[in-house]
Structure formats: C-alpha cells, structure tokens
Amino acid sequence: MSKMIELAREYRLPLKSTQEDLERDWETVLKYGNRILLAGHWYNPDGKSWIAAVYEFLGDGEMDCEDFIGIREVAEERFEDNGHAIAWAIRNA
C-alpha cells in the first residue's frame, strides 16, 4: 500500500468524494483550477495539527462541486495552521 493511501486512511480522508462532501467535513476546502485543496485540523500533541491534501476531478465534466474527485496527494508533514497547509497544497497541485 502506498504511503499516500496509508496517510489518507489515518486521517480518514476519502479516496473518492465530491467537493461538496469535503466542505461538509473539513475546515478549509478550495477549488484551484482543476484541483481541490484541503486543509483540515487533526489533533497532534506537538502543536502541528493541520493536514493537507490535493484532490483531482475524475471526469471530463464541468468540474463543479458535485462532480467526483479522487485523492492525488497527501502531505506527510503536519502544519502549524491552515494557511501553511494550503500553501503546501498549492505547491503540490
């Protein structure tokens, strides 16, 4: 199993979802071109409690909030806030 899949499971990130569903469950979800960027709070006692992930659209449709997306990247590091997590997601989109 890949490290990305292991991290997604650890953080309970869905492998396949919609932007709309991610927005319901996570703090920061942004559309960035044909990618969806996610920053979410995940408790960590060392103080870096934010995770980051990048999703991509799976179909050839209009890429709206109800279209299916699949996980593309998950950060191995944790971040001090959602801004740093989103910065990582932008760099890895």
N, C-alpha and C. Protein backbone atom coordinates (compact mmCIF):
# COMPACT_ATOMS: atom_id res chain seq x y z
N MET A 1 0.84 -1.17 0.00
CA MET A 1 0.00 0.00 0.00
C MET A 1 0.89 1.24 0.00
N SER A 2 0.51 2.24 -0.79
CA SER A 2 1.34 3.44 -0.89
C SER A 2 1.23 4.29 0.38
N LYS A 3 2.25 5.09 0.61
CA LYS A 3 2.28 5.98 1.77
C LYS A 3 1.09 6.95 1.73
N MET A 4 0.73 7.44 0.53
CA MET A 4 -0.39 8.36 0.39
C MET A 4 -1.69 7.71 0.86
N ILE A 5 -1.93 6.47 0.47
CA ILE A 5 -3.15 5.76 0.87
C ILE A 5 -3.14 5.53 2.37
N GLU A 6 -2.00 5.17 2.94
CA GLU A 6 -1.89 4.97 4.38
C GLU A 6 -2.23 6.26 5.13
N LEU A 7 -1.69 7.40 4.67
CA LEU A 7 -1.99 8.67 5.31
C LEU A 7 -3.46 9.04 5.17
N ALA A 8 -4.02 8.83 3.98
CA ALA A 8 -5.43 9.13 3.75
C ALA A 8 -6.30 8.33 4.73
N ARG A 9 -5.98 7.08 4.91
CA ARG A 9 -6.76 6.25 5.84
C ARG A 9 -6.56 6.70 7.29
N GLU A 10 -5.32 7.03 7.64
CA GLU A 10 -5.05 7.51 9.00
C GLU A 10 -5.87 8.77 9.31
N TYR A 11 -5.93 9.69 8.36
CA TYR A 11 -6.65 10.95 8.56
C TYR A 11 -8.14 10.84 8.22
N ARG A 12 -8.56 9.66 7.81
CA ARG A 12 -9.96 9.43 7.42
C ARG A 12 -10.39 10.30 6.24
N LEU A 13 -9.45 10.51 5.32
CA LEU A 13 -9.76 11.23 4.09
C LEU A 13 -10.34 10.25 3.09
N PRO A 14 -11.43 10.60 2.44
CA PRO A 14 -11.98 9.69 1.43
C PRO A 14 -11.09 9.63 0.20
N LEU A 15 -10.97 8.45 -0.39
CA LEU A 15 -10.19 8.32 -1.63
C LEU A 15 -10.96 8.89 -2.81
N LYS A 16 -12.28 8.81 -2.75
CA LYS A 16 -13.16 9.36 -3.77
C LYS A 16 -14.27 10.11 -3.07
N SER A 17 -14.59 11.31 -3.56
CA SER A 17 -15.58 12.13 -2.89
C SER A 17 -16.10 13.18 -3.87
N THR A 18 -16.70 14.23 -3.33
CA THR A 18 -17.06 15.42 -4.09
C THR A 18 -16.59 16.62 -3.28
N GLN A 19 -16.41 17.75 -3.94
CA GLN A 19 -16.03 18.96 -3.23
C GLN A 19 -17.07 19.30 -2.17
N GLU A 20 -18.32 19.14 -2.53
CA GLU A 20 -19.43 19.43 -1.62
C GLU A 20 -19.32 18.60 -0.33
N ASP A 21 -19.01 17.32 -0.46
CA ASP A 21 -18.88 16.46 0.72
C ASP A 21 -17.67 16.85 1.57
N LEU A 22 -16.55 17.18 0.92
CA LEU A 22 -15.37 17.60 1.68
C LEU A 22 -15.66 18.87 2.47
N GLU A 23 -16.39 19.80 1.84
CA GLU A 23 -16.72 21.07 2.52
C GLU A 23 -17.56 20.84 3.76
N ARG A 24 -18.35 19.81 3.76
CA ARG A 24 -19.18 19.49 4.92
C ARG A 24 -18.33 18.96 6.08
N ASP A 25 -17.25 18.26 5.77
CA ASP A 25 -16.50 17.54 6.80
C ASP A 25 -15.17 18.18 7.21
N TRP A 26 -14.64 19.13 6.43
CA TRP A 26 -13.31 19.68 6.70
C TRP A 26 -13.34 21.20 6.74
N GLU A 27 -12.38 21.78 7.45
CA GLU A 27 -12.36 23.22 7.70
C GLU A 27 -12.10 24.07 6.46
N THR A 28 -11.11 23.71 5.65
CA THR A 28 -10.72 24.55 4.52
C THR A 28 -10.68 23.71 3.25
N VAL A 29 -11.56 24.01 2.32
CA VAL A 29 -11.63 23.31 1.03
C VAL A 29 -11.75 24.38 -0.06
N LEU A 30 -10.81 24.37 -1.00
CA LEU A 30 -10.78 25.38 -2.05
C LEU A 30 -10.65 24.74 -3.42
N LYS A 31 -11.37 25.27 -4.39
CA LYS A 31 -11.16 24.86 -5.78
C LYS A 31 -10.01 25.69 -6.32
N TYR A 32 -9.07 25.02 -6.98
CA TYR A 32 -7.87 25.67 -7.52
C TYR A 32 -7.67 25.11 -8.93
N GLY A 33 -8.29 25.75 -9.92
CA GLY A 33 -8.25 25.21 -11.28
C GLY A 33 -8.98 23.89 -11.33
N ASN A 34 -8.28 22.85 -11.77
CA ASN A 34 -8.90 21.53 -11.84
C ASN A 34 -8.54 20.65 -10.62
N ARG A 35 -8.16 21.29 -9.55
CA ARG A 35 -7.82 20.59 -8.30
C ARG A 35 -8.69 21.12 -7.16
N ILE A 36 -8.83 20.30 -6.13
CA ILE A 36 -9.48 20.69 -4.89
C ILE A 36 -8.43 20.57 -3.79
N LEU A 37 -8.22 21.65 -3.05
CA LEU A 37 -7.22 21.70 -1.99
C LEU A 37 -7.93 21.59 -0.65
N LEU A 38 -7.34 20.85 0.25
CA LEU A 38 -7.94 20.61 1.56
C LEU A 38 -6.93 20.87 2.66
N ALA A 39 -7.35 21.59 3.69
CA ALA A 39 -6.60 21.71 4.93
C ALA A 39 -7.57 21.36 6.05
N GLY A 40 -7.15 20.46 6.90
CA GLY A 40 -8.03 20.03 7.98
C GLY A 40 -7.29 19.92 9.30
N HIS A 41 -8.02 20.18 10.36
CA HIS A 41 -7.44 20.08 11.70
C HIS A 41 -7.43 18.62 12.12
N TRP A 42 -6.28 18.15 12.58
CA TRP A 42 -6.11 16.78 13.05
C TRP A 42 -5.23 16.84 14.28
N TYR A 43 -5.80 16.56 15.43
CA TYR A 43 -5.08 16.74 16.70
C TYR A 43 -3.71 16.06 16.68
N ASN A 44 -2.74 16.82 17.14
CA ASN A 44 -1.38 16.32 17.26
C ASN A 44 -0.77 17.03 18.47
N PRO A 45 -0.31 16.30 19.49
CA PRO A 45 0.17 16.94 20.72
C PRO A 45 1.41 17.82 20.54
N ASP A 46 2.16 17.70 19.43
CA ASP A 46 3.34 18.54 19.25
C ASP A 46 2.99 19.94 18.73
N GLY A 47 1.71 20.22 18.52
CA GLY A 47 1.30 21.56 18.11
C GLY A 47 1.05 21.73 16.63
N LYS A 48 1.59 20.88 15.81
CA LYS A 48 1.35 20.97 14.36
C LYS A 48 0.16 20.06 14.05
N SER A 49 -1.02 20.66 14.05
CA SER A 49 -2.25 19.89 14.00
C SER A 49 -3.05 20.07 12.72
N TRP A 50 -2.43 20.49 11.64
CA TRP A 50 -3.15 20.67 10.37
C TRP A 50 -2.56 19.73 9.32
N ILE A 51 -3.45 19.12 8.54
CA ILE A 51 -3.04 18.24 7.45
C ILE A 51 -3.44 18.89 6.13
N ALA A 52 -2.85 18.41 5.05
CA ALA A 52 -3.15 18.95 3.72
C ALA A 52 -3.28 17.81 2.72
N ALA A 53 -4.18 18.03 1.75
CA ALA A 53 -4.37 17.05 0.68
C ALA A 53 -4.79 17.77 -0.59
N VAL A 54 -4.54 17.11 -1.70
CA VAL A 54 -4.95 17.61 -3.01
C VAL A 54 -5.79 16.53 -3.68
N TYR A 55 -6.92 16.93 -4.22
CA TYR A 55 -7.80 16.05 -4.98
C TYR A 55 -7.83 16.53 -6.43
N GLU A 56 -8.16 15.61 -7.34
CA GLU A 56 -8.33 15.97 -8.75
C GLU A 56 -9.68 15.47 -9.24
N PHE A 57 -10.23 16.18 -10.23
CA PHE A 57 -11.51 15.77 -10.81
C PHE A 57 -11.31 14.50 -11.62
N LEU A 58 -12.26 13.58 -11.51
CA LEU A 58 -12.14 12.27 -12.16
C LEU A 58 -12.80 12.23 -13.54
N GLY A 59 -13.74 13.11 -13.79
CA GLY A 59 -14.44 13.09 -15.07
C GLY A 59 -14.00 14.22 -15.97
N ASP A 60 -14.62 14.26 -17.13
CA ASP A 60 -14.34 15.31 -18.09
C ASP A 60 -15.40 16.40 -18.07
N GLY A 61 -16.21 16.42 -17.02
CA GLY A 61 -17.35 17.34 -16.94
C GLY A 61 -16.92 18.77 -16.67
N GLU A 62 -17.86 19.52 -16.14
CA GLU A 62 -17.66 20.94 -15.90
C GLU A 62 -16.83 21.23 -14.65
N MET A 63 -16.49 20.21 -13.89
CA MET A 63 -15.71 20.35 -12.67
C MET A 63 -16.43 21.24 -11.66
N ASP A 64 -17.67 20.86 -11.33
CA ASP A 64 -18.39 21.62 -10.30
C ASP A 64 -18.37 20.85 -8.99
N CYS A 65 -18.97 21.41 -7.96
CA CYS A 65 -18.85 20.87 -6.61
C CYS A 65 -19.49 19.50 -6.42
N GLU A 66 -20.30 19.06 -7.37
CA GLU A 66 -20.95 17.75 -7.25
C GLU A 66 -20.27 16.66 -8.08
N ASP A 67 -19.25 17.02 -8.85
CA ASP A 67 -18.52 16.03 -9.65
C ASP A 67 -17.57 15.24 -8.75
N PHE A 68 -17.31 13.99 -9.14
CA PHE A 68 -16.42 13.15 -8.34
C PHE A 68 -14.97 13.60 -8.47
N ILE A 69 -14.28 13.53 -7.32
CA ILE A 69 -12.86 13.83 -7.24
C ILE A 69 -12.17 12.66 -6.57
N GLY A 70 -10.89 12.49 -6.89
CA GLY A 70 -10.09 11.44 -6.28
C GLY A 70 -8.84 12.03 -5.65
N ILE A 71 -8.39 11.40 -4.61
CA ILE A 71 -7.22 11.91 -3.90
C ILE A 71 -5.98 11.79 -4.79
N ARG A 72 -5.15 12.82 -4.78
CA ARG A 72 -3.96 12.88 -5.62
C ARG A 72 -2.68 12.94 -4.78
N GLU A 73 -2.70 13.74 -3.70
CA GLU A 73 -1.53 13.92 -2.83
C GLU A 73 -2.01 14.11 -1.40
N VAL A 74 -1.22 13.61 -0.45
CA VAL A 74 -1.45 13.87 0.97
C VAL A 74 -0.10 14.23 1.57
N ALA A 75 -0.05 15.32 2.31
CA ALA A 75 1.22 15.75 2.92
C ALA A 75 1.65 14.77 4.00
N GLU A 76 2.92 14.44 3.98
CA GLU A 76 3.47 13.59 5.04
C GLU A 76 3.72 14.41 6.30
N GLU A 77 3.96 15.70 6.13
CA GLU A 77 4.20 16.56 7.28
C GLU A 77 2.88 17.15 7.78
N ARG A 78 2.90 17.63 9.01
CA ARG A 78 1.76 18.34 9.57
C ARG A 78 2.16 19.80 9.72
N PHE A 79 1.16 20.67 9.77
CA PHE A 79 1.41 22.11 9.69
C PHE A 79 0.88 22.83 10.92
N GLU A 80 1.41 24.04 11.17
CA GLU A 80 1.02 24.82 12.34
C GLU A 80 -0.34 25.49 12.18
N ASP A 81 -0.79 25.69 10.93
CA ASP A 81 -2.09 26.33 10.71
C ASP A 81 -2.59 25.98 9.31
N ASN A 82 -3.84 26.36 9.02
CA ASN A 82 -4.41 26.00 7.72
C ASN A 82 -3.77 26.77 6.57
N GLY A 83 -3.23 27.94 6.83
CA GLY A 83 -2.53 28.70 5.78
C GLY A 83 -1.31 27.96 5.26
N HIS A 84 -0.49 27.43 6.16
CA HIS A 84 0.68 26.66 5.74
C HIS A 84 0.27 25.36 5.05
N ALA A 85 -0.80 24.76 5.52
CA ALA A 85 -1.29 23.53 4.89
C ALA A 85 -1.76 23.81 3.46
N ILE A 86 -2.50 24.90 3.27
CA ILE A 86 -2.96 25.25 1.92
C ILE A 86 -1.79 25.65 1.04
N ALA A 87 -0.78 26.31 1.59
CA ALA A 87 0.41 26.66 0.79
C ALA A 87 1.06 25.38 0.25
N TRP A 88 1.15 24.35 1.10
CA TRP A 88 1.70 23.06 0.64
C TRP A 88 0.81 22.50 -0.49
N ALA A 89 -0.50 22.56 -0.30
CA ALA A 89 -1.42 22.01 -1.29
C ALA A 89 -1.28 22.75 -2.63
N ILE A 90 -1.13 24.06 -2.60
CA ILE A 90 -0.94 24.83 -3.84
C ILE A 90 0.35 24.39 -4.53
N ARG A 91 1.43 24.25 -3.78
CA ARG A 91 2.71 23.82 -4.37
C ARG A 91 2.61 22.40 -4.97
N ASN A 92 1.73 21.58 -4.44
CA ASN A 92 1.62 20.19 -4.88
C ASN A 92 0.41 19.91 -5.76
N ALA A 93 -0.28 20.97 -6.15
CA ALA A 93 -1.46 20.81 -7.00
C ALA A 93 -1.03 20.50 -8.42
